């Protein structure tokens, strides 16, 4: 039974790591034509850095993050 728990934990951790990696490689930005001001951080793969941005739209997508620490997870890949 203990082997089952360890296996499930490993699969869950691998899923989290792979999910973050996929998001870091996507196009980032906002969607929709709303006039909502969205503040956050965008990951730049060529520069391997995170920078703050203020965008207008309905929702964020891809490599746009709410916090700098979330964005900096992309730097480890």
PDB file of N, CA and C in Angstrom:
ATOM      1  N   UNK A   1       0.813  -1.185   0.000  1.00  0.00           N
ATOM      2  CA  UNK A   1       0.000   0.000   0.000  1.00  0.00           C
ATOM      3  C   UNK A   1       0.861   1.254   0.000  1.00  0.00           C
ATOM      4  N   UNK A   2       1.981   1.203   0.695  1.00  0.00           N
ATOM      5  CA  UNK A   2       2.868   2.353   0.760  1.00  0.00           C
ATOM      6  C   UNK A   2       3.461   2.662  -0.614  1.00  0.00           C
ATOM      7  N   UNK A   3       3.725   1.638  -1.394  1.00  0.00           N
ATOM      8  CA  UNK A   3       4.261   1.835  -2.745  1.00  0.00           C
ATOM      9  C   UNK A   3       3.250   2.586  -3.599  1.00  0.00           C
ATOM     10  N   UNK A   4       1.977   2.308  -3.423  1.00  0.00           N
ATOM     11  CA  UNK A   4       0.920   2.998  -4.157  1.00  0.00           C
ATOM     12  C   UNK A   4       0.920   4.494  -3.827  1.00  0.00           C
ATOM     13  N   UNK A   5       1.060   4.841  -2.550  1.00  0.00           N
ATOM     14  CA  UNK A   5       1.088   6.245  -2.141  1.00  0.00           C
ATOM     15  C   UNK A   5       2.295   6.977  -2.728  1.00  0.00           C
ATOM     16  N   UNK A   6       3.443   6.350  -2.683  1.00  0.00           N
ATOM     17  CA  UNK A   6       4.664   6.955  -3.218  1.00  0.00           C
ATOM     18  C   UNK A   6       4.541   7.139  -4.727  1.00  0.00           C
ATOM     19  N   UNK A   7       3.995   6.154  -5.417  1.00  0.00           N
ATOM     20  CA  UNK A   7       3.801   6.250  -6.865  1.00  0.00           C
ATOM     21  C   UNK A   7       2.841   7.383  -7.213  1.00  0.00           C
ATOM     22  N   UNK A   8       1.744   7.490  -6.481  1.00  0.00           N
ATOM     23  CA  UNK A   8       0.779   8.569  -6.729  1.00  0.00           C
ATOM     24  C   UNK A   8       1.404   9.930  -6.480  1.00  0.00           C
ATOM     25  N   UNK A   9       2.202  10.056  -5.440  1.00  0.00           N
ATOM     26  CA  UNK A   9       2.877  11.308  -5.133  1.00  0.00           C
ATOM     27  C   UNK A   9       3.846  11.692  -6.253  1.00  0.00           C
ATOM     28  N   UNK A  10       4.604  10.738  -6.745  1.00  0.00           N
ATOM     29  CA  UNK A  10       5.547  11.003  -7.838  1.00  0.00           C
ATOM     30  C   UNK A  10       4.823  11.439  -9.102  1.00  0.00           C
ATOM     31  N   UNK A  11       3.729  10.796  -9.424  1.00  0.00           N
ATOM     32  CA  UNK A  11       2.951  11.158 -10.615  1.00  0.00           C
ATOM     33  C   UNK A  11       2.365  12.560 -10.463  1.00  0.00           C
ATOM     34  N   UNK A  12       1.869  12.891  -9.286  1.00  0.00           N
ATOM     35  CA  UNK A  12       1.298  14.221  -9.045  1.00  0.00           C
ATOM     36  C   UNK A  12       2.366  15.305  -9.159  1.00  0.00           C
ATOM     37  N   UNK A  13       3.533  15.080  -8.577  1.00  0.00           N
ATOM     38  CA  UNK A  13       4.619  16.057  -8.669  1.00  0.00           C
ATOM     39  C   UNK A  13       5.099  16.225 -10.105  1.00  0.00           C
ATOM     40  N   UNK A  14       5.204  15.142 -10.829  1.00  0.00           N
ATOM     41  CA  UNK A  14       5.618  15.208 -12.230  1.00  0.00           C
ATOM     42  C   UNK A  14       4.594  15.994 -13.043  1.00  0.00           C
ATOM     43  N   UNK A  15       3.320  15.802 -12.762  1.00  0.00           N
ATOM     44  CA  UNK A  15       2.266  16.546 -13.450  1.00  0.00           C
ATOM     45  C   UNK A  15       2.351  18.036 -13.191  1.00  0.00           C
ATOM     46  N   UNK A  16       2.655  18.422 -11.954  1.00  0.00           N
ATOM     47  CA  UNK A  16       2.796  19.844 -11.620  1.00  0.00           C
ATOM     48  C   UNK A  16       3.978  20.458 -12.352  1.00  0.00           C
ATOM     49  N   UNK A  17       5.087  19.756 -12.371  1.00  0.00           N
ATOM     50  CA  UNK A  17       6.288  20.262 -13.035  1.00  0.00           C
ATOM     51  C   UNK A  17       6.066  20.366 -14.541  1.00  0.00           C
ATOM     52  N   UNK A  18       5.490  19.361 -15.128  1.00  0.00           N
ATOM     53  CA  UNK A  18       5.261  19.379 -16.578  1.00  0.00           C
ATOM     54  C   UNK A  18       4.211  20.427 -16.942  1.00  0.00           C
ATOM     55  N   UNK A  19       3.221  20.625 -16.103  1.00  0.00           N
ATOM     56  CA  UNK A  19       2.189  21.630 -16.356  1.00  0.00           C
ATOM     57  C   UNK A  19       2.763  23.030 -16.352  1.00  0.00           C
ATOM     58  N   UNK A  20       3.660  23.325 -15.416  1.00  0.00           N
ATOM     59  CA  UNK A  20       4.295  24.635 -15.356  1.00  0.00           C
ATOM     60  C   UNK A  20       5.164  24.846 -16.575  1.00  0.00           C
ATOM     61  N   UNK A  21       5.873  23.813 -16.994  1.00  0.00           N
ATOM     62  CA  UNK A  21       6.755  23.918 -18.149  1.00  0.00           C
ATOM     63  C   UNK A  21       5.961  24.215 -19.408  1.00  0.00           C
ATOM     64  N   UNK A  22       4.815  23.593 -19.587  1.00  0.00           N
ATOM     65  CA  UNK A  22       3.975  23.828 -20.758  1.00  0.00           C
ATOM     66  C   UNK A  22       3.490  25.265 -20.764  1.00  0.00           C
ATOM     67  N   UNK A  23       3.036  25.745 -19.623  1.00  0.00           N
ATOM     68  CA  UNK A  23       2.531  27.110 -19.544  1.00  0.00           C
ATOM     69  C   UNK A  23       3.629  28.121 -19.868  1.00  0.00           C
ATOM     70  N   UNK A  24       4.847  27.873 -19.449  1.00  0.00           N
ATOM     71  CA  UNK A  24       5.952  28.796 -19.704  1.00  0.00           C
ATOM     72  C   UNK A  24       6.269  28.904 -21.188  1.00  0.00           C
ATOM     73  N   UNK A  25       5.955  27.893 -21.957  1.00  0.00           N
ATOM     74  CA  UNK A  25       6.239  27.901 -23.384  1.00  0.00           C
ATOM     75  C   UNK A  25       5.106  28.447 -24.241  1.00  0.00           C
ATOM     76  N   UNK A  26       3.960  28.741 -23.649  1.00  0.00           N
ATOM     77  CA  UNK A  26       2.817  29.229 -24.411  1.00  0.00           C
ATOM     78  C   UNK A  26       2.936  30.723 -24.699  1.00  0.00           C
ATOM     79  N   UNK A  27       2.121  31.190 -25.638  1.00  0.00           N
ATOM     80  CA  UNK A  27       2.012  32.616 -25.891  1.00  0.00           C
ATOM     81  C   UNK A  27       1.228  33.228 -24.738  1.00  0.00           C
ATOM     82  N   UNK A  28       1.651  34.370 -24.257  1.00  0.00           N
ATOM     83  CA  UNK A  28       0.976  35.013 -23.146  1.00  0.00           C
ATOM     84  C   UNK A  28       0.231  36.255 -23.573  1.00  0.00           C
ATOM     85  N   UNK A  29      -0.678  36.668 -22.741  1.00  0.00           N
ATOM     86  CA  UNK A  29      -1.415  37.886 -23.006  1.00  0.00           C
ATOM     87  C   UNK A  29      -2.797  37.834 -22.399  1.00  0.00           C
ATOM     88  N   UNK A  30      -3.698  38.616 -22.980  1.00  0.00           N
ATOM     89  CA  UNK A  30      -5.074  38.668 -22.509  1.00  0.00           C
ATOM     90  C   UNK A  30      -6.019  38.272 -23.624  1.00  0.00           C
ATOM     91  N   UNK A  31      -7.218  37.892 -23.243  1.00  0.00           N
ATOM     92  CA  UNK A  31      -8.241  37.558 -24.232  1.00  0.00           C
ATOM     93  C   UNK A  31      -9.462  38.430 -23.992  1.00  0.00           C
ATOM     94  N   UNK A  32     -10.202  38.678 -25.041  1.00  0.00           N
ATOM     95  CA  UNK A  32     -11.430  39.458 -24.935  1.00  0.00           C
ATOM     96  C   UNK A  32     -11.198  40.942 -25.126  1.00  0.00           C
ATOM     97  N   UNK A  33     -12.296  41.653 -25.265  1.00  0.00           N
ATOM     98  CA  UNK A  33     -12.221  43.090 -25.511  1.00  0.00           C
ATOM     99  C   UNK A  33     -12.715  43.907 -24.328  1.00  0.00           C
ATOM    100  N   UNK A  34     -12.699  43.325 -23.142  1.00  0.00           N
ATOM    101  CA  UNK A  34     -13.095  44.050 -21.936  1.00  0.00           C
ATOM    102  C   UNK A  34     -12.097  45.176 -21.675  1.00  0.00           C
ATOM    103  N   UNK A  35     -12.477  46.095 -20.847  1.00  0.00           N
ATOM    104  CA  UNK A  35     -11.605  47.211 -20.514  1.00  0.00           C
ATOM    105  C   UNK A  35     -10.995  47.036 -19.124  1.00  0.00           C
ATOM    106  N   UNK A  36     -10.989  45.805 -18.629  1.00  0.00           N
ATOM    107  CA  UNK A  36     -10.463  45.486 -17.304  1.00  0.00           C
ATOM    108  C   UNK A  36      -8.941  45.633 -17.306  1.00  0.00           C
ATOM    109  N   UNK A  37      -8.390  46.310 -16.311  1.00  0.00           N
ATOM    110  CA  UNK A  37      -6.939  46.461 -16.179  1.00  0.00           C
ATOM    111  C   UNK A  37      -6.409  45.253 -15.418  1.00  0.00           C
ATOM    112  N   UNK A  38      -5.455  44.561 -16.021  1.00  0.00           N
ATOM    113  CA  UNK A  38      -4.881  43.354 -15.416  1.00  0.00           C
ATOM    114  C   UNK A  38      -3.390  43.580 -15.220  1.00  0.00           C
ATOM    115  N   UNK A  39      -2.944  43.500 -13.976  1.00  0.00           N
ATOM    116  CA  UNK A  39      -1.522  43.657 -13.645  1.00  0.00           C
ATOM    117  C   UNK A  39      -0.936  42.294 -13.358  1.00  0.00           C
ATOM    118  N   UNK A  40       0.280  42.058 -13.813  1.00  0.00           N
ATOM    119  CA  UNK A  40       0.926  40.782 -13.571  1.00  0.00           C
ATOM    120  C   UNK A  40       2.324  40.748 -14.138  1.00  0.00           C
ATOM    121  N   UNK A  41       2.814  39.535 -14.380  1.00  0.00           N
ATOM    122  CA  UNK A  41       4.178  39.324 -14.854  1.00  0.00           C
ATOM    123  C   UNK A  41       4.162  38.398 -16.062  1.00  0.00           C
ATOM    124  N   UNK A  42       4.991  38.723 -17.030  1.00  0.00           N
ATOM    125  CA  UNK A  42       5.107  37.929 -18.248  1.00  0.00           C
ATOM    126  C   UNK A  42       6.508  37.317 -18.289  1.00  0.00           C
ATOM    127  N   UNK A  43       6.581  36.055 -18.692  1.00  0.00           N
ATOM    128  CA  UNK A  43       7.867  35.372 -18.824  1.00  0.00           C
ATOM    129  C   UNK A  43       8.382  35.532 -20.247  1.00  0.00           C
ATOM    130  N   UNK A  44       9.641  35.929 -20.382  1.00  0.00           N
ATOM    131  CA  UNK A  44      10.293  36.057 -21.684  1.00  0.00           C
ATOM    132  C   UNK A  44      11.324  34.939 -21.824  1.00  0.00           C
ATOM    133  N   UNK A  45      11.053  33.984 -22.706  1.00  0.00           N
ATOM    134  CA  UNK A  45      11.979  32.860 -22.901  1.00  0.00           C
ATOM    135  C   UNK A  45      13.313  33.303 -23.502  1.00  0.00           C
ATOM    136  N   UNK A  46      13.320  34.172 -24.531  1.00  0.00           N
ATOM    137  CA  UNK A  46      14.613  34.587 -25.084  1.00  0.00           C
ATOM    138  C   UNK A  46      15.507  35.294 -24.058  1.00  0.00           C
ATOM    139  N   UNK A  47      14.910  36.106 -23.197  1.00  0.00           N
ATOM    140  CA  UNK A  47      15.684  36.833 -22.185  1.00  0.00           C
ATOM    141  C   UNK A  47      15.821  36.046 -20.889  1.00  0.00           C
ATOM    142  N   UNK A  48      15.055  34.962 -20.755  1.00  0.00           N
ATOM    143  CA  UNK A  48      15.022  34.143 -19.540  1.00  0.00           C
ATOM    144  C   UNK A  48      14.821  35.022 -18.304  1.00  0.00           C
ATOM    145  N   UNK A  49      13.745  35.821 -18.354  1.00  0.00           N
ATOM    146  CA  UNK A  49      13.441  36.715 -17.246  1.00  0.00           C
ATOM    147  C   UNK A  49      11.938  36.965 -17.168  1.00  0.00           C
ATOM    148  N   UNK A  50      11.520  37.541 -16.050  1.00  0.00           N
ATOM    149  CA  UNK A  50      10.134  37.932 -15.838  1.00  0.00           C
ATOM    150  C   UNK A  50      10.073  39.445 -15.734  1.00  0.00           C
ATOM    151  N   UNK A  51       9.056  40.038 -16.310  1.00  0.00           N
ATOM    152  CA  UNK A  51       8.902  41.479 -16.224  1.00  0.00           C
ATOM    153  C   UNK A  51       7.444  41.824 -15.963  1.00  0.00           C
ATOM    154  N   UNK A  52       7.226  42.934 -15.278  1.00  0.00           N
ATOM    155  CA  UNK A  52       5.864  43.324 -14.926  1.00  0.00           C
ATOM    156  C   UNK A  52       5.182  43.965 -16.127  1.00  0.00           C
ATOM    157  N   UNK A  53       3.868  43.777 -16.196  1.00  0.00           N
ATOM    158  CA  UNK A  53       3.070  44.323 -17.294  1.00  0.00           C
ATOM    159  C   UNK A  53       1.701  44.741 -16.774  1.00  0.00           C
ATOM    160  N   UNK A  54       1.110  45.699 -17.453  1.00  0.00           N
ATOM    161  CA  UNK A  54      -0.266  46.090 -17.210  1.00  0.00           C
ATOM    162  C   UNK A  54      -0.976  46.002 -18.556  1.00  0.00           C
ATOM    163  N   UNK A  55      -1.999  45.152 -18.634  1.00  0.00           N
ATOM    164  CA  UNK A  55      -2.724  44.918 -19.884  1.00  0.00           C
ATOM    165  C   UNK A  55      -4.208  45.181 -19.687  1.00  0.00           C
ATOM    166  N   UNK A  56      -4.922  45.341 -20.776  1.00  0.00           N
ATOM    167  CA  UNK A  56      -6.379  45.490 -20.734  1.00  0.00           C
ATOM    168  C   UNK A  56      -7.001  44.328 -21.494  1.00  0.00           C
ATOM    169  N   UNK A  57      -7.992  43.690 -20.874  1.00  0.00           N
ATOM    170  CA  UNK A  57      -8.678  42.565 -21.490  1.00  0.00           C
ATOM    171  C   UNK A  57      -9.611  41.905 -20.494  1.00  0.00           C
ATOM    172  N   UNK A  58     -10.169  40.758 -20.888  1.00  0.00           N
ATOM    173  CA  UNK A  58     -11.119  40.049 -20.017  1.00  0.00           C
ATOM    174  C   UNK A  58     -10.423  39.050 -19.089  1.00  0.00           C
ATOM    175  N   UNK A  59      -9.449  38.332 -19.615  1.00  0.00           N
ATOM    176  CA  UNK A  59      -8.771  37.295 -18.833  1.00  0.00           C
ATOM    177  C   UNK A  59      -7.357  37.102 -19.354  1.00  0.00           C
ATOM    178  N   UNK A  60      -6.479  36.592 -18.498  1.00  0.00           N
ATOM    179  CA  UNK A  60      -5.099  36.328 -18.920  1.00  0.00           C
ATOM    180  C   UNK A  60      -4.990  34.911 -19.449  1.00  0.00           C
ATOM    181  N   UNK A  61      -3.933  34.679 -20.204  1.00  0.00           N
ATOM    182  CA  UNK A  61      -3.700  33.346 -20.751  1.00  0.00           C
ATOM    183  C   UNK A  61      -2.210  33.113 -20.903  1.00  0.00           C
ATOM    184  N   UNK A  62      -1.839  31.845 -21.010  1.00  0.00           N
ATOM    185  CA  UNK A  62      -0.455  31.465 -21.282  1.00  0.00           C
ATOM    186  C   UNK A  62       0.515  31.875 -20.203  1.00  0.00           C
ATOM    187  N   UNK A  63       1.635  32.443 -20.621  1.00  0.00           N
ATOM    188  CA  UNK A  63       2.731  32.731 -19.702  1.00  0.00           C
ATOM    189  C   UNK A  63       2.601  34.080 -19.005  1.00  0.00           C
ATOM    190  N   UNK A  64       1.379  34.493 -18.724  1.00  0.00           N
ATOM    191  CA  UNK A  64       1.101  35.693 -17.937  1.00  0.00           C
ATOM    192  C   UNK A  64       0.727  35.236 -16.537  1.00  0.00           C
ATOM    193  N   UNK A  65       1.421  35.723 -15.521  1.00  0.00           N
ATOM    194  CA  UNK A  65       1.254  35.250 -14.151  1.00  0.00           C
ATOM    195  C   UNK A  65       0.814  36.385 -13.231  1.00  0.00           C
ATOM    196  N   UNK A  66       0.070  36.046 -12.186  1.00  0.00           N
ATOM    197  CA  UNK A  66      -0.403  37.024 -11.207  1.00  0.00           C
ATOM    198  C   UNK A  66       0.712  37.512 -10.290  1.00  0.00           C
ATOM    199  N   UNK A  67       1.636  36.628  -9.948  1.00  0.00           N
ATOM    200  CA  UNK A  67       2.713  36.993  -9.025  1.00  0.00           C
ATOM    201  C   UNK A  67       4.071  36.746  -9.656  1.00  0.00           C
ATOM    202  N   UNK A  68       5.061  37.484  -9.174  1.00  0.00           N
ATOM    203  CA  UNK A  68       6.416  37.323  -9.693  1.00  0.00           C
ATOM    204  C   UNK A  68       6.982  35.943  -9.347  1.00  0.00           C
ATOM    205  N   UNK A  69       6.651  35.441  -8.169  1.00  0.00           N
ATOM    206  CA  UNK A  69       7.166  34.125  -7.767  1.00  0.00           C
ATOM    207  C   UNK A  69       6.627  33.019  -8.673  1.00  0.00           C
ATOM    208  N   UNK A  70       5.357  33.124  -9.107  1.00  0.00           N
ATOM    209  CA  UNK A  70       4.810  32.145 -10.050  1.00  0.00           C
ATOM    210  C   UNK A  70       5.554  32.221 -11.377  1.00  0.00           C
ATOM    211  N   UNK A  71       5.829  33.430 -11.828  1.00  0.00           N
ATOM    212  CA  UNK A  71       6.538  33.621 -13.090  1.00  0.00           C
ATOM    213  C   UNK A  71       7.964  33.060 -13.008  1.00  0.00           C
ATOM    214  N   UNK A  72       8.603  33.270 -11.886  1.00  0.00           N
ATOM    215  CA  UNK A  72       9.992  32.831 -11.735  1.00  0.00           C
ATOM    216  C   UNK A  72      10.152  31.318 -11.729  1.00  0.00           C
ATOM    217  N   UNK A  73       9.048  30.572 -11.601  1.00  0.00           N
ATOM    218  CA  UNK A  73       9.128  29.113 -11.708  1.00  0.00           C
ATOM    219  C   UNK A  73       9.553  28.719 -13.120  1.00  0.00           C
ATOM    220  N   UNK A  74       9.272  29.562 -14.111  1.00  0.00           N
ATOM    221  CA  UNK A  74       9.687  29.290 -15.481  1.00  0.00           C
ATOM    222  C   UNK A  74      11.205  29.365 -15.642  1.00  0.00           C
ATOM    223  N   UNK A  75      11.885  30.075 -14.766  1.00  0.00           N
ATOM    224  CA  UNK A  75      13.335  30.241 -14.858  1.00  0.00           C
ATOM    225  C   UNK A  75      14.074  28.949 -14.550  1.00  0.00           C
ATOM    226  N   UNK A  76      13.418  28.002 -13.895  1.00  0.00           N
ATOM    227  CA  UNK A  76      14.076  26.757 -13.524  1.00  0.00           C
ATOM    228  C   UNK A  76      14.074  25.726 -14.649  1.00  0.00           C
ATOM    229  N   UNK A  77      13.368  26.001 -15.742  1.00  0.00           N
ATOM    230  CA  UNK A  77      13.275  25.037 -16.831  1.00  0.00           C
ATOM    231  C   UNK A  77      14.234  25.339 -17.928  1.00  0.00           C
TER     232      UNK A  77
END
